[in-house]
Amino acid sequence: MKEQRYDNHIRYYPPHHFIFYPAALILLGGSIYMLTREPSSAWLWISQILLWVMLIWLSFMMRQHYSLTLQNRIVRLELRFRYFTLTHQRFEPLEQRLSFRQLAALRFASDEELPSLVEKTLEEKLSPGQIKRSIKNWNPDDMRV
């Protein structure tokens, strides 16, 4: 596996992103096309369009909801543990002053950089992108969902 960095840290699930969604979008597009070609069967094509839209939306929301809820909790616990291990101080008081997106970006920082980057983030109110770009030694997260 390639070394993980800011420019390559996004992960795709091929069956979902490159098979299901394109197929569903093609079928949705085909239904819209048929609606314009056969107005006499409009009710059939409109109901099929609504079905495809709901199916695409539901599959996206379910996939995201379950995996991201658990992943978010794990990210918080990991940062609490790492910060306590490195500084012997609890992270919770600082965590409450940071958004989850900032916390998620901080997880990529190496142990050497984490405490100072947390302080810098709090002082300068860094965005998640700024946090990620300021990391010198990227700590890869190869087990993300």
N, C-alpha and C. Protein backbone atom coordinates (compact mmCIF):
# COMPACT_ATOMS: atom_id res chain seq x y z
N MET A 1 0.84 -1.18 0.00
CA MET A 1 0.00 0.00 0.00
C MET A 1 0.88 1.24 0.00
N LYS A 2 0.48 2.26 -0.76
CA LYS A 2 1.22 3.51 -0.82
C LYS A 2 1.23 4.21 0.53
N GLU A 3 2.31 4.95 0.79
CA GLU A 3 2.38 5.74 2.01
C GLU A 3 1.28 6.80 1.98
N GLN A 4 0.54 6.91 3.06
CA GLN A 4 -0.59 7.84 3.11
C GLN A 4 -0.12 9.25 3.44
N ARG A 5 -0.66 10.23 2.67
CA ARG A 5 -0.35 11.65 2.86
C ARG A 5 -1.63 12.44 2.63
N TYR A 6 -1.52 13.75 2.73
CA TYR A 6 -2.68 14.62 2.52
C TYR A 6 -3.29 14.41 1.14
N ASP A 7 -2.47 14.32 0.11
CA ASP A 7 -2.99 14.27 -1.26
C ASP A 7 -3.52 12.91 -1.69
N ASN A 8 -3.36 11.86 -0.86
CA ASN A 8 -3.88 10.55 -1.26
C ASN A 8 -4.63 9.85 -0.12
N HIS A 9 -5.17 10.59 0.83
CA HIS A 9 -5.78 9.95 2.00
C HIS A 9 -7.25 9.61 1.84
N ILE A 10 -7.87 9.98 0.75
CA ILE A 10 -9.28 9.64 0.52
C ILE A 10 -9.37 8.19 0.04
N ARG A 11 -10.33 7.46 0.58
CA ARG A 11 -10.48 6.05 0.24
C ARG A 11 -11.85 5.81 -0.39
N TYR A 12 -11.88 5.00 -1.43
CA TYR A 12 -13.13 4.63 -2.10
C TYR A 12 -13.39 3.14 -1.91
N TYR A 13 -14.68 2.78 -1.92
CA TYR A 13 -15.09 1.38 -1.89
C TYR A 13 -15.61 1.08 -3.30
N PRO A 14 -14.79 0.44 -4.15
CA PRO A 14 -15.13 0.28 -5.58
C PRO A 14 -16.51 -0.28 -5.89
N PRO A 15 -16.98 -1.36 -5.23
CA PRO A 15 -18.32 -1.84 -5.59
C PRO A 15 -19.41 -0.79 -5.37
N HIS A 16 -19.23 0.02 -4.37
CA HIS A 16 -20.24 1.03 -4.05
C HIS A 16 -20.07 2.27 -4.92
N HIS A 17 -18.85 2.80 -4.97
CA HIS A 17 -18.61 4.06 -5.68
C HIS A 17 -18.54 3.91 -7.20
N PHE A 18 -18.04 2.79 -7.69
CA PHE A 18 -17.78 2.67 -9.12
C PHE A 18 -18.68 1.67 -9.85
N ILE A 19 -19.52 0.94 -9.11
CA ILE A 19 -20.46 0.02 -9.76
C ILE A 19 -21.90 0.41 -9.41
N PHE A 20 -22.25 0.39 -8.11
CA PHE A 20 -23.64 0.67 -7.73
C PHE A 20 -24.09 2.06 -8.13
N TYR A 21 -23.35 3.10 -7.71
CA TYR A 21 -23.78 4.47 -8.01
C TYR A 21 -23.84 4.76 -9.51
N PRO A 22 -22.82 4.39 -10.29
CA PRO A 22 -22.96 4.64 -11.74
C PRO A 22 -24.15 3.89 -12.36
N ALA A 23 -24.35 2.64 -11.94
CA ALA A 23 -25.48 1.88 -12.50
C ALA A 23 -26.81 2.53 -12.11
N ALA A 24 -26.93 2.92 -10.85
CA ALA A 24 -28.17 3.56 -10.40
C ALA A 24 -28.40 4.89 -11.11
N LEU A 25 -27.34 5.66 -11.31
CA LEU A 25 -27.48 6.94 -12.01
C LEU A 25 -27.82 6.74 -13.48
N ILE A 26 -27.28 5.70 -14.10
CA ILE A 26 -27.63 5.40 -15.50
C ILE A 26 -29.11 5.02 -15.58
N LEU A 27 -29.58 4.19 -14.66
CA LEU A 27 -30.99 3.80 -14.66
C LEU A 27 -31.89 5.01 -14.37
N LEU A 28 -31.47 5.88 -13.49
CA LEU A 28 -32.22 7.11 -13.22
C LEU A 28 -32.27 7.98 -14.48
N GLY A 29 -31.11 8.14 -15.11
CA GLY A 29 -31.07 8.93 -16.36
C GLY A 29 -31.93 8.32 -17.45
N GLY A 30 -31.90 6.98 -17.56
CA GLY A 30 -32.74 6.29 -18.54
C GLY A 30 -34.22 6.50 -18.27
N SER A 31 -34.60 6.50 -17.01
CA SER A 31 -36.00 6.73 -16.66
C SER A 31 -36.43 8.15 -17.01
N ILE A 32 -35.55 9.11 -16.76
CA ILE A 32 -35.86 10.50 -17.12
C ILE A 32 -35.97 10.64 -18.63
N TYR A 33 -35.06 9.99 -19.35
CA TYR A 33 -35.11 10.02 -20.81
C TYR A 33 -36.43 9.42 -21.32
N MET A 34 -36.82 8.27 -20.74
CA MET A 34 -38.05 7.62 -21.19
C MET A 34 -39.29 8.45 -20.85
N LEU A 35 -39.22 9.21 -19.76
CA LEU A 35 -40.32 10.10 -19.41
C LEU A 35 -40.54 11.14 -20.51
N THR A 36 -39.46 11.65 -21.08
CA THR A 36 -39.59 12.65 -22.15
C THR A 36 -40.00 12.02 -23.48
N ARG A 37 -39.66 10.74 -23.66
CA ARG A 37 -39.98 10.05 -24.93
C ARG A 37 -41.39 9.46 -24.94
N GLU A 38 -41.89 9.06 -23.79
CA GLU A 38 -43.21 8.43 -23.70
C GLU A 38 -44.08 9.14 -22.67
N PRO A 39 -44.56 10.33 -22.99
CA PRO A 39 -45.38 11.07 -22.02
C PRO A 39 -46.68 10.34 -21.65
N SER A 40 -47.14 9.43 -22.49
CA SER A 40 -48.37 8.71 -22.17
C SER A 40 -48.19 7.78 -20.97
N SER A 41 -46.96 7.36 -20.69
CA SER A 41 -46.67 6.50 -19.53
C SER A 41 -45.97 7.29 -18.43
N ALA A 42 -46.30 8.56 -18.33
CA ALA A 42 -45.60 9.45 -17.39
C ALA A 42 -45.66 8.93 -15.96
N TRP A 43 -46.79 8.44 -15.52
CA TRP A 43 -46.91 7.96 -14.15
C TRP A 43 -45.94 6.82 -13.86
N LEU A 44 -45.71 5.95 -14.83
CA LEU A 44 -44.78 4.83 -14.67
C LEU A 44 -43.35 5.34 -14.52
N TRP A 45 -42.97 6.26 -15.40
CA TRP A 45 -41.59 6.76 -15.37
C TRP A 45 -41.34 7.67 -14.18
N ILE A 46 -42.32 8.45 -13.80
CA ILE A 46 -42.16 9.30 -12.61
C ILE A 46 -42.02 8.44 -11.36
N SER A 47 -42.82 7.40 -11.25
CA SER A 47 -42.70 6.53 -10.08
C SER A 47 -41.35 5.80 -10.08
N GLN A 48 -40.86 5.42 -11.25
CA GLN A 48 -39.57 4.77 -11.33
C GLN A 48 -38.44 5.76 -10.97
N ILE A 49 -38.55 6.99 -11.43
CA ILE A 49 -37.57 8.02 -11.09
C ILE A 49 -37.55 8.23 -9.58
N LEU A 50 -38.71 8.35 -8.96
CA LEU A 50 -38.78 8.53 -7.51
C LEU A 50 -38.18 7.34 -6.77
N LEU A 51 -38.42 6.15 -7.27
CA LEU A 51 -37.87 4.94 -6.66
C LEU A 51 -36.34 4.96 -6.72
N TRP A 52 -35.78 5.30 -7.88
CA TRP A 52 -34.31 5.35 -8.02
C TRP A 52 -33.70 6.44 -7.14
N VAL A 53 -34.33 7.59 -7.08
CA VAL A 53 -33.82 8.69 -6.23
C VAL A 53 -33.82 8.25 -4.77
N MET A 54 -34.91 7.64 -4.32
CA MET A 54 -34.98 7.19 -2.93
C MET A 54 -33.97 6.09 -2.65
N LEU A 55 -33.78 5.16 -3.58
CA LEU A 55 -32.83 4.07 -3.39
C LEU A 55 -31.39 4.59 -3.31
N ILE A 56 -31.04 5.51 -4.19
CA ILE A 56 -29.69 6.10 -4.18
C ILE A 56 -29.48 6.86 -2.88
N TRP A 57 -30.44 7.67 -2.50
CA TRP A 57 -30.31 8.46 -1.28
C TRP A 57 -30.22 7.55 -0.05
N LEU A 58 -31.08 6.55 0.03
CA LEU A 58 -31.08 5.64 1.18
C LEU A 58 -29.77 4.86 1.27
N SER A 59 -29.27 4.36 0.17
CA SER A 59 -28.02 3.59 0.22
C SER A 59 -26.86 4.46 0.67
N PHE A 60 -26.84 5.70 0.22
CA PHE A 60 -25.77 6.61 0.62
C PHE A 60 -25.88 6.93 2.11
N MET A 61 -27.06 7.25 2.57
CA MET A 61 -27.24 7.64 3.97
C MET A 61 -26.98 6.48 4.93
N MET A 62 -27.45 5.30 4.62
CA MET A 62 -27.24 4.15 5.50
C MET A 62 -25.75 3.80 5.59
N ARG A 63 -25.10 3.76 4.46
CA ARG A 63 -23.67 3.41 4.43
C ARG A 63 -22.87 4.42 5.23
N GLN A 64 -23.17 5.67 5.03
CA GLN A 64 -22.44 6.72 5.71
C GLN A 64 -22.75 6.74 7.20
N HIS A 65 -24.00 6.65 7.55
CA HIS A 65 -24.41 6.81 8.94
C HIS A 65 -23.76 5.79 9.86
N TYR A 66 -23.88 4.52 9.53
CA TYR A 66 -23.36 3.49 10.41
C TYR A 66 -21.84 3.54 10.54
N SER A 67 -21.18 3.61 9.44
CA SER A 67 -19.72 3.57 9.50
C SER A 67 -19.13 4.85 10.09
N LEU A 68 -19.68 5.99 9.74
CA LEU A 68 -19.11 7.24 10.24
C LEU A 68 -19.40 7.48 11.71
N THR A 69 -20.54 7.05 12.19
CA THR A 69 -20.84 7.21 13.61
C THR A 69 -19.82 6.44 14.45
N LEU A 70 -19.56 5.23 14.08
CA LEU A 70 -18.58 4.42 14.81
C LEU A 70 -17.18 4.99 14.63
N GLN A 71 -16.84 5.35 13.42
CA GLN A 71 -15.50 5.89 13.15
C GLN A 71 -15.26 7.18 13.93
N ASN A 72 -16.26 8.04 14.02
CA ASN A 72 -16.11 9.29 14.76
C ASN A 72 -15.83 9.03 16.24
N ARG A 73 -16.51 8.06 16.78
CA ARG A 73 -16.29 7.72 18.18
C ARG A 73 -14.88 7.18 18.39
N ILE A 74 -14.42 6.36 17.48
CA ILE A 74 -13.08 5.78 17.59
C ILE A 74 -12.01 6.87 17.46
N VAL A 75 -12.23 7.81 16.56
CA VAL A 75 -11.26 8.92 16.40
C VAL A 75 -11.14 9.70 17.70
N ARG A 76 -12.25 10.01 18.32
CA ARG A 76 -12.22 10.74 19.60
C ARG A 76 -11.46 9.95 20.67
N LEU A 77 -11.76 8.66 20.79
CA LEU A 77 -11.10 7.83 21.79
C LEU A 77 -9.60 7.71 21.51
N GLU A 78 -9.26 7.54 20.24
CA GLU A 78 -7.84 7.45 19.87
C GLU A 78 -7.09 8.72 20.24
N LEU A 79 -7.67 9.88 19.94
CA LEU A 79 -7.01 11.15 20.27
C LEU A 79 -6.89 11.34 21.77
N ARG A 80 -7.92 10.98 22.51
CA ARG A 80 -7.83 11.09 23.97
C ARG A 80 -6.69 10.23 24.51
N PHE A 81 -6.62 9.00 24.02
CA PHE A 81 -5.58 8.09 24.49
C PHE A 81 -4.19 8.60 24.09
N ARG A 82 -4.02 8.97 22.84
CA ARG A 82 -2.71 9.44 22.38
C ARG A 82 -2.28 10.69 23.12
N TYR A 83 -3.19 11.64 23.29
CA TYR A 83 -2.84 12.90 23.95
C TYR A 83 -2.46 12.63 25.42
N PHE A 84 -3.22 11.78 26.10
CA PHE A 84 -2.90 11.46 27.49
C PHE A 84 -1.55 10.75 27.58
N THR A 85 -1.30 9.81 26.68
CA THR A 85 -0.05 9.06 26.68
C THR A 85 1.14 10.00 26.45
N LEU A 86 0.96 10.98 25.59
CA LEU A 86 2.07 11.89 25.25
C LEU A 86 2.28 12.99 26.27
N THR A 87 1.20 13.49 26.87
CA THR A 87 1.31 14.67 27.73
C THR A 87 0.96 14.40 29.20
N HIS A 88 0.38 13.26 29.49
CA HIS A 88 -0.11 12.93 30.84
C HIS A 88 -1.17 13.92 31.31
N GLN A 89 -1.89 14.48 30.35
CA GLN A 89 -3.01 15.39 30.64
C GLN A 89 -4.23 14.91 29.87
N ARG A 90 -5.40 15.13 30.44
CA ARG A 90 -6.64 14.73 29.77
C ARG A 90 -6.89 15.64 28.57
N PHE A 91 -7.44 15.05 27.53
CA PHE A 91 -7.71 15.78 26.29
C PHE A 91 -9.10 16.39 26.27
N GLU A 92 -10.02 15.88 27.08
CA GLU A 92 -11.42 16.30 27.03
C GLU A 92 -11.62 17.81 27.13
N PRO A 93 -10.92 18.53 28.03
CA PRO A 93 -11.14 19.99 28.07
C PRO A 93 -10.76 20.69 26.75
N LEU A 94 -9.73 20.19 26.09
CA LEU A 94 -9.32 20.77 24.81
C LEU A 94 -10.26 20.32 23.69
N GLU A 95 -10.67 19.07 23.78
CA GLU A 95 -11.54 18.48 22.75
C GLU A 95 -12.84 19.27 22.60
N GLN A 96 -13.36 19.78 23.70
CA GLN A 96 -14.61 20.52 23.65
C GLN A 96 -14.48 21.85 22.93
N ARG A 97 -13.26 22.34 22.76
CA ARG A 97 -13.04 23.60 22.08
C ARG A 97 -12.74 23.40 20.59
N LEU A 98 -12.71 22.16 20.14
CA LEU A 98 -12.40 21.84 18.75
C LEU A 98 -13.62 21.21 18.08
N SER A 99 -13.76 21.46 16.79
CA SER A 99 -14.84 20.79 16.04
C SER A 99 -14.41 19.36 15.74
N PHE A 100 -15.39 18.52 15.39
CA PHE A 100 -15.01 17.15 15.06
C PHE A 100 -14.10 17.11 13.84
N ARG A 101 -14.34 17.98 12.88
CA ARG A 101 -13.50 17.99 11.67
C ARG A 101 -12.06 18.33 12.02
N GLN A 102 -11.85 19.21 12.98
CA GLN A 102 -10.48 19.50 13.43
C GLN A 102 -9.88 18.27 14.13
N LEU A 103 -10.68 17.60 14.96
CA LEU A 103 -10.20 16.39 15.63
C LEU A 103 -9.81 15.33 14.61
N ALA A 104 -10.64 15.16 13.60
CA ALA A 104 -10.36 14.16 12.57
C ALA A 104 -9.07 14.49 11.82
N ALA A 105 -8.82 15.75 11.59
CA ALA A 105 -7.58 16.14 10.91
C ALA A 105 -6.37 15.93 11.81
N LEU A 106 -6.53 16.18 13.10
CA LEU A 106 -5.41 16.01 14.05
C LEU A 106 -4.96 14.56 14.16
N ARG A 107 -5.84 13.60 13.87
CA ARG A 107 -5.44 12.20 14.03
C ARG A 107 -4.33 11.80 13.07
N PHE A 108 -4.11 12.58 12.01
CA PHE A 108 -3.04 12.26 11.06
C PHE A 108 -1.67 12.74 11.53
N ALA A 109 -1.63 13.53 12.59
CA ALA A 109 -0.35 14.05 13.09
C ALA A 109 0.42 12.95 13.81
N SER A 110 1.73 12.97 13.65
CA SER A 110 2.57 12.01 14.35
C SER A 110 2.57 12.33 15.84
N ASP A 111 3.03 11.39 16.64
CA ASP A 111 3.08 11.60 18.09
C ASP A 111 3.94 12.81 18.45
N GLU A 112 5.01 13.02 17.72
CA GLU A 112 5.90 14.16 17.99
C GLU A 112 5.20 15.49 17.74
N GLU A 113 4.31 15.52 16.77
CA GLU A 113 3.65 16.77 16.37
C GLU A 113 2.32 17.04 17.07
N LEU A 114 1.68 15.99 17.56
CA LEU A 114 0.30 16.12 18.05
C LEU A 114 0.12 17.18 19.13
N PRO A 115 0.86 17.14 20.25
CA PRO A 115 0.60 18.14 21.30
C PRO A 115 0.78 19.58 20.82
N SER A 116 1.84 19.86 20.09
CA SER A 116 2.05 21.24 19.62
C SER A 116 1.03 21.64 18.56
N LEU A 117 0.61 20.69 17.74
CA LEU A 117 -0.38 21.00 16.72
C LEU A 117 -1.75 21.26 17.34
N VAL A 118 -2.07 20.57 18.42
CA VAL A 118 -3.32 20.83 19.14
C VAL A 118 -3.30 22.27 19.67
N GLU A 119 -2.20 22.65 20.29
CA GLU A 119 -2.07 24.02 20.82
C GLU A 119 -2.17 25.05 19.70
N LYS A 120 -1.47 24.79 18.61
CA LYS A 120 -1.49 25.72 17.47
C LYS A 120 -2.91 25.84 16.91
N THR A 121 -3.62 24.71 16.82
CA THR A 121 -4.99 24.71 16.31
C THR A 121 -5.90 25.55 17.20
N LEU A 122 -5.73 25.41 18.51
CA LEU A 122 -6.55 26.18 19.44
C LEU A 122 -6.22 27.67 19.38
N GLU A 123 -4.95 27.99 19.29
CA GLU A 123 -4.53 29.40 19.27
C GLU A 123 -4.91 30.10 17.97
N GLU A 124 -4.67 29.42 16.85
CA GLU A 124 -4.86 30.05 15.54
C GLU A 124 -6.17 29.67 14.88
N LYS A 125 -6.96 28.81 15.54
CA LYS A 125 -8.24 28.35 14.99
C LYS A 125 -8.07 27.81 13.55
N LEU A 126 -7.13 26.88 13.41
CA LEU A 126 -6.83 26.30 12.11
C LEU A 126 -8.02 25.50 11.58
N SER A 127 -8.22 25.55 10.28
CA SER A 127 -9.25 24.72 9.63
C SER A 127 -8.71 23.30 9.48
N PRO A 128 -9.57 22.32 9.24
CA PRO A 128 -9.08 20.95 9.03
C PRO A 128 -8.05 20.86 7.90
N GLY A 129 -8.27 21.57 6.82
CA GLY A 129 -7.31 21.55 5.71
C GLY A 129 -5.97 22.14 6.12
N GLN A 130 -6.00 23.23 6.88
CA GLN A 130 -4.75 23.84 7.36
C GLN A 130 -4.02 22.90 8.31
N ILE A 131 -4.77 22.20 9.14
CA ILE A 131 -4.15 21.23 10.05
C ILE A 131 -3.44 20.15 9.26
N LYS A 132 -4.13 19.58 8.29
CA LYS A 132 -3.55 18.49 7.50
C LYS A 132 -2.32 18.96 6.72
N ARG A 133 -2.39 20.17 6.16
CA ARG A 133 -1.25 20.67 5.40
C ARG A 133 -0.05 21.00 6.28
N SER A 134 -0.26 21.26 7.55
CA SER A 134 0.86 21.60 8.43
C SER A 134 1.52 20.37 9.05
N ILE A 135 1.00 19.20 8.80
CA ILE A 135 1.59 17.97 9.34
C ILE A 135 2.85 17.63 8.55
N LYS A 136 3.94 17.46 9.25
CA LYS A 136 5.22 17.12 8.61
C LYS A 136 5.38 15.60 8.47
N ASN A 137 5.07 14.86 9.53
CA ASN A 137 5.17 13.39 9.52
C ASN A 137 3.76 12.81 9.61
N TRP A 138 3.24 12.44 8.46
CA TRP A 138 1.86 11.96 8.34
C TRP A 138 1.73 10.60 9.02
N ASN A 139 0.76 10.47 9.91
CA ASN A 139 0.44 9.22 10.59
C ASN A 139 -0.73 8.60 9.83
N PRO A 140 -0.48 7.60 8.99
CA PRO A 140 -1.55 7.08 8.14
C PRO A 140 -2.66 6.39 8.93
N ASP A 141 -3.86 6.45 8.38
CA ASP A 141 -5.01 5.76 8.94
C ASP A 141 -5.50 4.79 7.86
N ASP A 142 -4.87 3.64 7.79
CA ASP A 142 -5.15 2.67 6.73
C ASP A 142 -6.38 1.82 6.99
N MET A 143 -7.02 1.97 8.15
CA MET A 143 -8.16 1.12 8.47
C MET A 143 -9.46 1.88 8.50
N ARG A 144 -9.50 3.07 7.86
CA ARG A 144 -10.72 3.85 7.82
C ARG A 144 -11.78 3.18 6.98
N VAL A 145 -13.02 3.50 7.28
CA VAL A 145 -14.15 2.99 6.50
C VAL A 145 -14.36 3.93 5.34
